[in-house]
Protein backbone atom coordinates (compact mmCIF):
# COMPACT_ATOMS: atom_id res chain seq x y z
CA MET A 1 -22.19 13.27 17.21
CA ILE A 2 -23.56 16.68 16.18
CA SER A 3 -27.03 15.98 17.61
CA ALA A 4 -25.82 14.44 20.90
CA GLY A 5 -27.13 15.81 24.20
CA HIS A 6 -24.89 13.73 26.44
CA PHE A 7 -21.09 13.66 26.56
CA LEU A 8 -20.87 9.86 26.33
CA MET A 9 -23.11 9.79 23.26
CA PHE A 10 -20.97 12.55 21.81
CA PHE A 11 -17.81 10.56 22.48
CA ILE A 12 -19.24 7.38 20.96
CA GLY A 13 -20.21 9.28 17.83
CA LEU A 14 -16.77 10.91 17.64
CA GLU A 15 -14.91 7.61 17.91
CA THR A 16 -17.30 5.83 15.56
CA ALA A 17 -16.31 8.41 12.95
CA SER A 18 -12.58 8.39 13.82
CA ILE A 19 -11.82 4.65 13.74
CA PRO A 20 -12.98 4.07 10.12
CA MET A 21 -10.98 7.14 9.11
CA ALA A 22 -7.79 5.42 10.27
CA ALA A 23 -8.64 2.48 8.00
CA LEU A 24 -9.27 4.85 5.09
CA VAL A 25 -5.96 6.64 5.64
CA ALA A 26 -4.12 3.30 5.43
CA PHE A 27 -6.35 2.04 2.62
CA ASP A 28 -3.63 2.07 -0.05
CA LYS A 29 -1.84 -1.01 1.24
CA TYR A 30 0.67 -1.05 -1.62
CA ARG A 31 2.26 2.25 -0.50
CA HIS A 32 4.21 2.30 2.75
CA HIS A 33 3.46 6.02 3.15
CA SER A 34 -0.22 5.19 3.47
CA ALA A 35 0.41 2.58 6.17
CA GLU A 36 2.69 5.01 8.00
CA ALA A 37 0.02 7.72 7.82
CA GLY A 38 -2.59 5.29 9.13
CA ALA A 39 -0.38 4.38 12.09
CA LYS A 40 0.23 8.05 12.91
CA TYR A 41 -3.45 8.85 12.64
CA ILE A 42 -4.64 6.03 14.89
CA LEU A 43 -1.96 6.75 17.53
CA THR A 44 -2.81 10.44 17.51
CA ALA A 45 -6.52 9.65 17.69
CA LEU A 46 -5.93 7.38 20.68
CA PHE A 47 -3.91 10.03 22.48
CA SER A 48 -6.45 12.77 21.79
CA SER A 49 -9.31 10.51 22.87
CA GLY A 50 -7.50 9.83 26.14
CA LEU A 51 -7.14 13.55 26.80
CA LEU A 52 -10.77 14.17 25.91
CA LEU A 53 -12.01 11.35 28.15
CA TYR A 54 -9.88 12.56 31.03
CA GLY A 55 -11.47 15.99 30.65
CA LEU A 56 -14.94 14.44 30.61
CA SER A 57 -14.14 12.48 33.79
CA LEU A 58 -13.12 15.70 35.52
CA ILE A 59 -16.32 17.37 34.35
CA TYR A 60 -18.38 14.51 35.74
CA GLY A 61 -16.44 14.61 38.99
CA THR A 62 -17.16 18.30 39.52
CA VAL A 63 -20.76 18.59 38.32
CA GLY A 64 -22.10 15.04 38.76
CA THR A 65 -23.71 14.77 35.31
CA LEU A 66 -22.80 14.54 31.63
CA TYR A 67 -26.06 15.86 30.17
CA PHE A 68 -25.52 19.06 28.22
CA ALA A 69 -28.68 20.66 29.60
CA ASP A 70 -27.74 20.06 33.27
CA ILE A 71 -24.05 21.02 33.26
CA PRO A 72 -24.24 24.86 32.86
CA ALA A 73 -26.16 25.39 36.10
CA ARG A 74 -23.45 23.53 38.05
CA LEU A 75 -20.38 25.19 36.55
CA THR A 76 -18.62 27.64 38.85
CA GLY A 77 -15.35 28.17 36.99
CA ASP A 78 -13.17 26.66 39.73
CA PRO A 79 -9.63 25.48 38.84
CA LEU A 80 -10.63 21.82 38.46
CA GLN A 81 -13.36 22.72 35.97
CA ILE A 82 -10.92 24.92 34.06
CA MET A 83 -8.51 21.98 33.89
CA ALA A 84 -11.36 19.76 32.71
CA PHE A 85 -12.12 22.22 29.93
CA VAL A 86 -8.43 22.40 28.91
CA PHE A 87 -8.22 18.61 28.57
CA PHE A 88 -11.50 18.49 26.66
CA PHE A 89 -10.43 21.28 24.33
CA SER A 90 -7.03 19.64 23.78
CA GLY A 91 -8.75 16.46 22.60
CA MET A 92 -10.95 18.43 20.23
CA GLY A 93 -7.95 20.44 19.06
CA PHE A 94 -6.38 17.25 17.71
CA LYS A 95 -9.54 16.48 15.73
CA ILE A 96 -9.71 19.96 14.19
CA SER A 97 -5.91 20.27 13.71
CA LEU A 98 -5.43 23.40 15.77
CA VAL A 99 -1.94 24.49 16.83
CA PRO A 100 -0.26 23.05 18.90
CA PHE A 101 -2.20 19.84 18.27
CA HIS A 102 -1.50 19.83 14.52
CA LEU A 103 1.76 17.94 14.09
CA TRP A 104 0.10 14.81 12.69
CA THR A 105 -1.76 16.66 9.95
CA ALA A 106 0.89 17.15 7.25
CA ASP A 107 2.24 13.57 7.42
CA VAL A 108 -1.23 12.02 7.38
CA TYR A 109 -2.46 14.24 4.54
CA GLU A 110 0.62 13.40 2.46
CA GLY A 111 0.51 9.64 3.08
CA ALA A 112 -3.25 9.08 2.75
CA PRO A 113 -4.89 8.57 -0.67
CA SER A 114 -5.83 11.95 -2.13
CA THR A 115 -9.57 11.26 -1.95
CA VAL A 116 -9.28 10.37 1.74
CA THR A 117 -7.22 13.51 2.34
CA ALA A 118 -9.99 15.58 0.78
CA TYR A 119 -12.54 13.97 3.12
CA LEU A 120 -10.30 14.52 6.15
CA SER A 121 -9.73 18.17 5.34
CA VAL A 122 -13.40 19.13 5.04
CA ILE A 123 -15.97 16.68 6.42
CA SER A 124 -14.27 15.64 9.65
CA LYS A 125 -12.97 19.14 10.32
CA GLY A 126 -16.34 20.76 9.63
CA SER A 127 -18.31 18.34 11.81
CA ALA A 128 -15.85 18.68 14.70
CA ALA A 129 -16.05 22.49 14.44
CA PHE A 130 -19.86 22.38 14.61
CA VAL A 131 -19.77 20.14 17.68
CA LEU A 132 -17.16 22.31 19.41
CA MET A 133 -19.26 25.41 18.74
CA THR A 134 -22.35 23.75 20.18
CA ILE A 135 -20.61 22.51 23.33
CA LEU A 136 -18.82 25.78 24.07
CA ILE A 137 -21.96 27.89 23.69
CA LYS A 138 -24.46 25.48 25.28
CA VAL A 139 -22.42 23.62 27.91
CA PHE A 140 -19.55 25.96 28.84
CA ALA A 141 -21.52 29.21 28.59
CA PRO A 142 -20.83 30.13 32.27
CA MET A 143 -17.09 29.85 31.56
CA VAL A 144 -17.13 32.05 28.47
CA ALA A 145 -14.33 34.30 29.71
CA GLN A 146 -12.02 31.32 30.24
CA TRP A 147 -12.61 29.59 26.91
CA GLN A 148 -12.47 32.86 24.98
CA GLU A 149 -9.00 33.45 26.41
CA VAL A 150 -7.89 29.97 25.36
CA LEU A 151 -9.39 30.38 21.88
CA TYR A 152 -7.76 33.80 21.46
CA TRP A 153 -4.22 32.45 21.64
CA ILE A 154 -5.04 29.22 19.83
CA ILE A 155 -6.43 31.20 16.86
CA ILE A 156 -3.35 33.42 16.64
CA ALA A 157 -0.99 30.42 16.82
CA SER A 158 -2.97 28.34 14.32
CA ILE A 159 -3.30 31.02 11.67
CA THR A 160 0.24 32.41 11.98
CA LEU A 161 2.32 29.24 12.34
CA ALA A 162 0.36 27.32 9.70
CA ASN A 163 0.80 30.11 7.15
CA LEU A 164 4.53 30.37 7.87
CA PHE A 165 5.02 26.62 7.50
CA ALA A 166 2.93 26.55 4.31
CA LEU A 167 5.31 29.04 2.68
CA ARG A 168 8.10 26.42 2.69
CA GLN A 169 6.16 23.45 1.34
CA GLN A 170 6.84 21.92 -2.08
CA ASN A 171 4.55 18.91 -1.82
CA LEU A 172 1.07 20.14 -2.69
CA LYS A 173 -0.73 17.87 -0.22
CA ARG A 174 1.48 19.05 2.64
CA LEU A 175 0.88 22.65 1.57
CA MET A 176 -2.89 22.08 1.68
CA ALA A 177 -2.48 20.41 5.07
CA PHE A 178 -1.01 23.59 6.56
CA SER A 179 -3.63 25.58 4.67
CA SER A 180 -6.34 23.53 6.43
CA ILE A 181 -4.72 24.23 9.81
CA SER A 182 -4.83 27.94 9.03
CA GLN A 183 -8.44 27.65 7.87
CA ALA A 184 -9.30 25.92 11.15
CA GLY A 185 -8.04 29.02 12.93
CA TYR A 186 -10.33 31.19 10.82
CA ILE A 187 -13.24 28.88 11.64
CA MET A 188 -12.61 29.44 15.35
CA LEU A 189 -13.14 33.18 14.79
CA GLY A 190 -16.83 32.39 14.38
CA ILE A 191 -16.92 30.66 17.77
CA ILE A 192 -14.98 33.12 19.89
CA SER A 193 -17.59 35.86 19.63
CA GLY A 194 -20.23 33.55 21.10
CA THR A 195 -23.02 35.33 19.22
CA SER A 196 -25.68 34.22 16.77
CA GLN A 197 -23.87 36.19 14.06
CA GLY A 198 -20.72 34.21 14.77
CA MET A 199 -22.57 30.89 14.57
CA THR A 200 -24.20 31.85 11.26
CA SER A 201 -20.92 33.04 9.78
CA LEU A 202 -19.20 29.82 10.91
CA VAL A 203 -21.77 27.67 9.10
CA PHE A 204 -21.40 29.75 5.94
CA TYR A 205 -17.60 29.70 6.17
CA VAL A 206 -17.43 25.93 6.57
CA LEU A 207 -19.76 25.35 3.59
CA ILE A 208 -17.68 27.60 1.31
CA TYR A 209 -14.46 26.05 2.60
CA MET A 210 -15.80 22.56 1.87
CA PHE A 211 -16.59 23.33 -1.77
CA ALA A 212 -13.32 25.19 -2.39
CA ASN A 213 -11.10 22.60 -0.71
CA LEU A 214 -12.84 19.69 -2.42
CA SER A 215 -12.26 21.41 -5.76
CA VAL A 216 -8.54 21.74 -5.03
CA PHE A 217 -8.26 18.11 -4.02
CA THR A 218 -10.22 17.06 -7.10
CA VAL A 219 -7.43 18.46 -9.26
CA ILE A 220 -4.73 17.04 -6.99
CA THR A 221 -6.36 13.60 -7.14
CA ILE A 222 -6.68 13.60 -10.94
CA VAL A 223 -3.06 14.67 -11.41
CA ALA A 224 -1.81 12.16 -8.83
CA LEU A 225 -3.70 9.22 -10.34
CA ARG A 226 -2.95 9.97 -13.97
CA ALA A 227 0.50 11.55 -13.87
CA HIS A 228 1.97 10.55 -10.47
CA LYS A 229 2.84 14.20 -9.81
CA PHE A 230 2.70 15.68 -6.32
CA THR A 231 5.06 18.65 -6.01
CA LEU A 232 4.57 22.30 -6.83
CA ASP A 233 7.18 22.20 -9.61
CA ASP A 234 5.25 19.38 -11.28
CA TYR A 235 2.38 21.79 -11.87
CA ASN A 236 4.50 24.13 -13.98
CA GLY A 237 2.72 24.73 -17.28
CA LEU A 238 -0.42 22.83 -16.30
CA TYR A 239 -2.62 25.44 -18.01
CA ASN A 240 -0.98 24.72 -21.38
CA THR A 241 -1.84 21.03 -21.27
CA ASN A 242 -4.95 20.87 -19.06
CA PRO A 243 -6.58 24.33 -19.02
CA LYS A 244 -9.87 23.17 -17.46
CA LEU A 245 -8.14 21.62 -14.46
CA ALA A 246 -5.96 24.72 -14.05
CA PHE A 247 -9.03 26.97 -14.21
CA LEU A 248 -10.88 24.91 -11.57
CA MET A 249 -7.83 24.98 -9.31
CA THR A 250 -7.51 28.75 -9.75
CA LEU A 251 -11.13 29.44 -8.81
CA ALA A 252 -10.84 27.26 -5.70
CA LEU A 253 -7.55 28.84 -4.60
CA PHE A 254 -8.89 32.36 -5.07
CA SER A 255 -11.87 31.42 -2.91
CA LEU A 256 -9.65 29.93 -0.19
CA ALA A 257 -7.50 33.05 -0.24
CA GLY A 258 -10.54 35.30 0.17
CA ILE A 259 -10.08 37.29 -3.05
CA PRO A 260 -13.21 39.19 -4.13
CA PRO A 261 -15.64 38.56 -5.75
CA PHE A 262 -15.33 34.86 -4.94
CA ALA A 263 -17.43 33.23 -2.23
CA GLY A 264 -14.42 32.84 0.06
CA PHE A 265 -14.16 36.63 0.33
CA PHE A 266 -17.70 36.93 1.69
CA SER A 267 -17.22 34.02 4.11
CA LYS A 268 -14.08 35.66 5.53
CA PHE A 269 -15.82 39.04 5.64
CA PHE A 270 -18.74 37.68 7.67
CA ILE A 271 -16.55 35.76 10.09
CA PHE A 272 -14.25 38.77 10.59
CA ALA A 273 -17.29 40.99 11.14
CA ALA A 274 -18.65 38.61 13.79
CA ALA A 275 -15.34 38.60 15.69
CA PHE A 276 -15.02 42.39 15.35
CA GLU A 277 -18.53 42.88 16.74
CA GLY A 278 -17.51 40.71 19.67
CA GLY A 279 -14.76 43.17 20.54
CA PHE A 280 -11.76 41.17 19.26
CA HIS A 281 -10.33 43.99 17.15
CA LEU A 282 -6.65 43.08 17.45
CA LEU A 283 -7.41 39.44 16.69
CA VAL A 284 -9.22 40.41 13.49
CA PHE A 285 -6.25 42.61 12.48
CA ILE A 286 -3.83 39.70 12.99
CA ALA A 287 -6.14 37.46 10.94
CA LEU A 288 -6.16 40.05 8.13
CA ILE A 289 -2.36 40.17 8.09
CA ASN A 290 -2.24 36.39 7.87
CA THR A 291 -4.75 36.44 5.03
CA ILE A 292 -2.27 38.54 3.07
CA ILE A 293 0.50 36.05 3.91
CA SER A 294 -1.66 33.16 2.69
CA LEU A 295 -2.02 34.89 -0.68
CA TYR A 296 1.64 34.16 -1.35
CA TYR A 297 1.45 30.37 -1.26
CA TYR A 298 -1.96 30.20 -2.92
CA LEU A 299 -0.84 32.45 -5.79
CA LYS A 300 2.42 30.50 -6.02
CA ILE A 301 0.37 27.54 -7.24
CA VAL A 302 -1.46 29.75 -9.76
CA LYS A 303 1.89 31.15 -10.95
CA ALA A 304 3.22 27.63 -11.46
CA MET A 305 0.22 26.63 -13.58
CA TYR A 306 0.02 29.74 -15.76
CA ILE A 307 3.45 31.40 -15.86
CA ASN A 308 6.23 28.95 -15.01
CA LYS A 309 7.67 26.94 -17.88
CA SER A 310 8.47 23.25 -17.75
CA ASP A 311 10.52 21.03 -20.03
CA GLU A 312 8.37 18.07 -19.03
CA PRO A 313 4.88 19.41 -18.25
CA ILE A 314 2.04 17.17 -17.13
CA ALA A 315 0.65 15.57 -20.28
CA ALA A 316 -2.82 16.41 -21.51
CA PHE A 317 -5.32 13.97 -20.06
CA ARG A 318 -7.34 12.21 -22.73
CA TYR A 319 -10.66 10.58 -22.12
CA PRO A 320 -12.75 8.00 -24.03
CA THR A 321 -14.31 9.75 -27.00
CA TYR A 322 -17.52 7.94 -27.78
CA GLY A 323 -19.27 7.32 -24.48
CA SER A 324 -22.16 4.87 -24.79
CA ASN A 325 -20.78 3.26 -27.93
CA GLN A 326 -18.26 1.32 -25.90
CA LYS A 327 -18.09 0.20 -22.29
CA ILE A 328 -15.18 -1.39 -20.50
CA THR A 329 -17.12 -3.99 -18.56
CA GLY A 330 -14.51 -6.09 -16.82
CA TYR A 331 -10.97 -6.51 -15.63
CA SER A 332 -9.04 -8.96 -13.49
CA VAL A 333 -5.56 -9.17 -11.99
CA SER A 334 -3.92 -12.59 -11.79
CA ASN A 335 -1.43 -13.78 -9.19
CA ASN A 336 1.45 -13.55 -11.67
CA LEU A 337 0.88 -9.80 -12.13
CA GLU A 338 -1.11 -9.93 -15.35
CA LEU A 339 -3.96 -7.49 -15.86
CA LYS A 340 -6.77 -8.53 -18.20
CA VAL A 341 -9.10 -5.83 -19.58
CA SER A 342 -12.18 -7.11 -21.40
CA ASP A 343 -14.76 -5.35 -23.54
CA PHE A 344 -17.93 -7.17 -24.50
CA ASP A 345 -19.94 -4.25 -25.91
CA LEU A 346 -18.61 -3.37 -29.32
CA ILE A 347 -21.98 -2.82 -30.98
CA PRO A 348 -21.98 0.90 -31.84
CA ARG A 349 -25.20 2.85 -31.73
CA LEU A 350 -24.64 4.77 -34.94
CA ILE A 351 -27.28 3.21 -37.17
CA ALA A 352 -29.33 6.39 -37.02
CA ARG A 353 -26.27 8.39 -37.97
CA ALA A 354 -25.66 6.08 -40.91
CA SER A 355 -29.20 6.56 -42.17
CA GLN A 356 -28.90 10.35 -41.85
CA VAL A 357 -25.99 10.43 -44.28
CA GLY A 358 -27.62 7.97 -46.62
CA ALA A 359 -25.61 5.00 -45.32
CA ASN A 360 -22.90 5.91 -47.79
CA GLU A 361 -20.31 7.51 -45.56
CA VAL A 362 -19.78 7.59 -41.78
CA HIS A 363 -16.86 9.44 -40.17
CA GLY A 364 -15.20 9.79 -43.55
CA VAL A 365 -15.38 6.10 -44.46
CA ARG A 366 -17.77 4.86 -47.10
CA PHE A 367 -20.18 2.31 -45.65
CA THR A 368 -19.99 -0.44 -48.23
CA ASN A 369 -19.22 -4.13 -47.96
CA GLU A 370 -15.70 -3.62 -49.20
CA HIS A 371 -15.04 -1.09 -46.45
CA ALA A 372 -16.61 -3.08 -43.61
CA ASP A 373 -13.18 -4.35 -42.58
CA THR A 374 -11.87 -0.81 -42.20
CA LEU A 375 -14.82 0.21 -40.06
CA ARG A 376 -14.43 -2.85 -37.89
CA SER A 377 -10.71 -2.14 -37.53
CA ASN A 378 -11.39 1.41 -36.39
CA LEU A 379 -13.94 0.24 -33.85
CA ILE A 380 -11.66 -2.40 -32.33
CA LYS A 381 -8.70 -0.02 -32.16
CA GLN A 382 -10.88 2.49 -30.36
CA ALA A 383 -11.92 -0.19 -27.85
CA VAL A 384 -8.33 -1.22 -27.22
CA TYR A 385 -7.26 2.40 -26.80
CA ASN A 386 -10.06 3.15 -24.33
CA GLY A 387 -9.26 -0.05 -22.47
CA ARG A 388 -5.82 1.40 -21.91
CA GLN A 389 -7.38 4.09 -19.72
CA THR A 390 -9.07 1.49 -17.49
CA ALA A 391 -5.88 -0.59 -17.34
CA GLN A 392 -3.88 2.45 -16.26
CA ALA A 393 -6.37 3.30 -13.51
CA VAL A 394 -6.46 -0.30 -12.22
CA ALA A 395 -2.66 -0.50 -12.19
CA GLU A 396 -2.37 2.71 -10.19
CA ALA A 397 -5.08 1.66 -7.77
CA THR A 398 -3.19 -1.56 -7.01
CA GLY A 399 0.18 0.17 -6.62
CA HIS A 400 1.73 -1.04 -9.87
CA ARG A 401 2.91 0.38 -13.15
CA LEU A 402 1.41 -0.74 -16.42
CA GLY A 403 3.87 -2.82 -18.42
CA ASP A 404 3.95 -4.20 -21.94
CA VAL A 405 1.11 -5.90 -23.78
CA LYS A 406 1.17 -9.67 -23.44
CA SER A 407 -1.66 -10.57 -25.77
CA ILE A 408 -4.65 -9.18 -27.65
CA THR A 409 -7.59 -11.39 -28.51
CA VAL A 410 -10.40 -10.36 -30.85
CA ALA A 411 -13.39 -12.69 -31.20
CA GLY A 412 -16.88 -12.42 -32.61
CA ASN A 413 -19.39 -13.69 -35.10
CA SER A 414 -18.06 -11.70 -38.06
CA PRO A 415 -15.85 -12.91 -40.91
CA SER A 416 -12.15 -12.19 -40.97
CA TYR A 417 -11.06 -9.00 -42.65
CA ALA A 418 -8.06 -7.48 -44.30
CA GLY A 419 -6.03 -4.57 -43.01
CA MET A 420 -6.38 -5.41 -39.30
CA GLN A 421 -2.76 -5.43 -38.14
CA LEU A 422 -1.68 -6.56 -34.69
CA MET A 423 0.93 -3.80 -34.64
CA SER A 424 -1.72 -1.10 -34.81
CA LEU A 425 -3.61 -2.75 -31.94
CA ARG A 426 -0.46 -2.86 -29.85
CA ALA A 427 0.12 0.83 -30.57
CA ALA A 428 -3.36 1.63 -29.29
CA ALA A 429 -2.87 -0.56 -26.22
CA LYS A 430 0.42 1.21 -25.44
CA ASP A 431 -1.16 4.64 -25.83
CA GLU A 432 1.11 5.38 -28.79
CA ALA A 433 -1.63 5.99 -31.29
CA THR A 434 -4.11 8.79 -31.74
CA PRO A 435 -7.59 7.42 -31.01
CA VAL A 436 -9.71 6.96 -34.10
CA GLU A 437 -13.40 7.69 -34.40
CA PRO A 438 -15.55 4.55 -34.51
CA GLY A 439 -17.42 3.79 -37.69
CA THR A 440 -20.85 2.26 -38.08
CA ASN A 441 -20.73 -1.49 -37.67
CA THR A 442 -23.38 -4.06 -36.88
CA LEU A 443 -20.89 -6.81 -36.01
CA SER A 444 -20.81 -8.21 -32.49
CA GLU A 445 -17.25 -8.41 -31.19
CA SER A 446 -15.34 -8.97 -27.96
CA VAL A 447 -11.82 -7.74 -27.25
CA GLU A 448 -9.48 -8.88 -24.51
CA VAL A 449 -6.09 -7.27 -23.77
CA VAL A 450 -3.64 -8.70 -21.25
CA TYR A 451 -0.96 -6.40 -19.79
CA TYR A 452 2.02 -7.15 -17.64
CA LEU A 453 2.12 -5.29 -14.31
CA GLN A 454 5.37 -4.03 -12.84
């Protein structure tokens, strides 16, 4: 699509990218919001493609060719060509989420899986912006006065309306949807000047925007998958429980807002400078005012994470604690909503550690025959506890909630031992126990936990 030199090749590339996106938006088949978002996306894509194709047909009818290199010499700026450009730009406006072609964005962003929303907000938007820049400067260069006038009002509407709507949002994905609409308006500032400085600043702006927005959606995705939290109030006190996630979110939001000395400040500075050099002084002033408005809703998220108190904050996310010592290697979901999590690698790699301490004590437990049962118990409880994390992720991915433990099976080639209580295993499987450090053990075990899904 980006490298096309013919409008039909461009259109084929555009649709080849758009159709799989509709499938990704509706990928979470267990949530009706995802299916609804997929339907809205595909209908909007069809409508925008129809407008774009109609514009291309008018272009072909007036110039007799669809090759980028041949069109400029045949453009005269007559009313039919201006109408062709308007239809073409309208189709592209849907793809980039420019006002007034933005109404699908918030619903689709909210309903789609968070990872798909992140892709939609950066990759598809960035590629469409690059293509639009190329076509306007290479193909519609003789009509620069006409498309600059269209872009002028589209930029003002996109930046202003999106910021005003974002102020009222409580759902974080909808807020970021309107933020992306506003950012699309800023991206257009790099195109309207029609200069090499504007093109360079656009590329830099899109790259910085991609990294910052992906960072924000990384946090949103983690919180959504692990805590099922989506609203701004849910993020109250996040710094107290998950400081690293809050810090990453803060850096990304500061960059999106254009606060110095973050990269987003320099990207906005360069793109404003390009538009100012092009003579669009009032437009740059309006963009600056809107940048100040955007600070409010970006900093509102930061305030929620660091200052606001919550009686039920998002719990601290815990991760498996001993990496290569244990691997969850398999799971399966049966037709009667039973989830089986299996672990077949319970051979810890701590022999070197045992030799370093004289093989007398490992993790506070003496390594003797009489304590082998205790070490084995610790290891199995750790495996069951870590398996809980996989079970939770699988349940969420399939649109269910993790229920009670149906059964726990421990098998291996080691003798039976004392002190291994089923109640302690159930506590680990229910995430009610603090994970224990694994001890050195040369026994080969396998553990299988079956959960009910709700």
